[in-house]
């Protein structure tokens, strides 16, 4: 499994819609995103 992934907002939105956002934390541990992605997602 790669240590770093690059994703757009759609990954967060899709996982939130199916109730599986925590899956990212389980697989990758720490999730870091940009302010732009967080703002688009609605978490900033």
Protein backbone atom coordinates (compact mmCIF):
# COMPACT_ATOMS: atom_id res chain seq x y z
CA UNK A 1 0.00 0.00 0.00
CA UNK A 2 1.46 3.40 -0.91
CA UNK A 3 2.26 5.77 1.96
CA UNK A 4 1.08 8.81 0.03
CA UNK A 5 -1.95 9.20 -2.19
CA UNK A 6 -3.26 12.20 -4.05
CA UNK A 7 -7.00 12.55 -4.32
CA UNK A 8 -9.54 15.11 -5.28
CA UNK A 9 -12.65 15.96 -3.27
CA UNK A 10 -14.75 13.26 -4.94
CA UNK A 11 -13.03 10.55 -2.89
CA UNK A 12 -14.07 12.22 0.38
CA UNK A 13 -17.59 12.91 -0.87
CA UNK A 14 -18.19 9.37 -2.12
CA UNK A 15 -16.87 7.76 1.05
CA UNK A 16 -18.95 10.15 3.17
CA UNK A 17 -22.10 9.37 1.16
CA UNK A 18 -21.71 5.64 1.76
CA UNK A 19 -20.73 6.11 5.40
CA UNK A 20 -17.15 4.86 4.94
CA UNK A 21 -14.96 7.95 5.33
CA UNK A 22 -13.22 6.25 8.28
CA UNK A 23 -11.92 3.68 5.78
CA UNK A 24 -9.23 6.15 4.70
CA UNK A 25 -7.96 6.37 8.27
CA UNK A 26 -7.99 2.60 8.66
CA UNK A 27 -6.00 2.06 5.46
CA UNK A 28 -3.62 5.05 5.50
CA UNK A 29 -3.54 6.28 9.10
CA UNK A 30 -2.95 10.00 8.79
CA UNK A 31 -4.84 11.90 6.09
CA UNK A 32 -3.48 15.28 5.00
CA UNK A 33 -5.24 17.46 2.47
CA UNK A 34 -5.02 20.97 1.08
CA UNK A 35 -7.13 23.91 2.19
CA UNK A 36 -8.75 23.97 -1.27
CA UNK A 37 -9.86 20.33 -1.02
CA UNK A 38 -11.10 20.80 2.57
CA UNK A 39 -13.04 23.91 1.57
CA UNK A 40 -14.61 22.18 -1.43
CA UNK A 41 -15.51 19.20 0.78
CA UNK A 42 -16.98 21.60 3.33
CA UNK A 43 -14.68 20.91 6.26
CA UNK A 44 -12.75 24.15 6.49
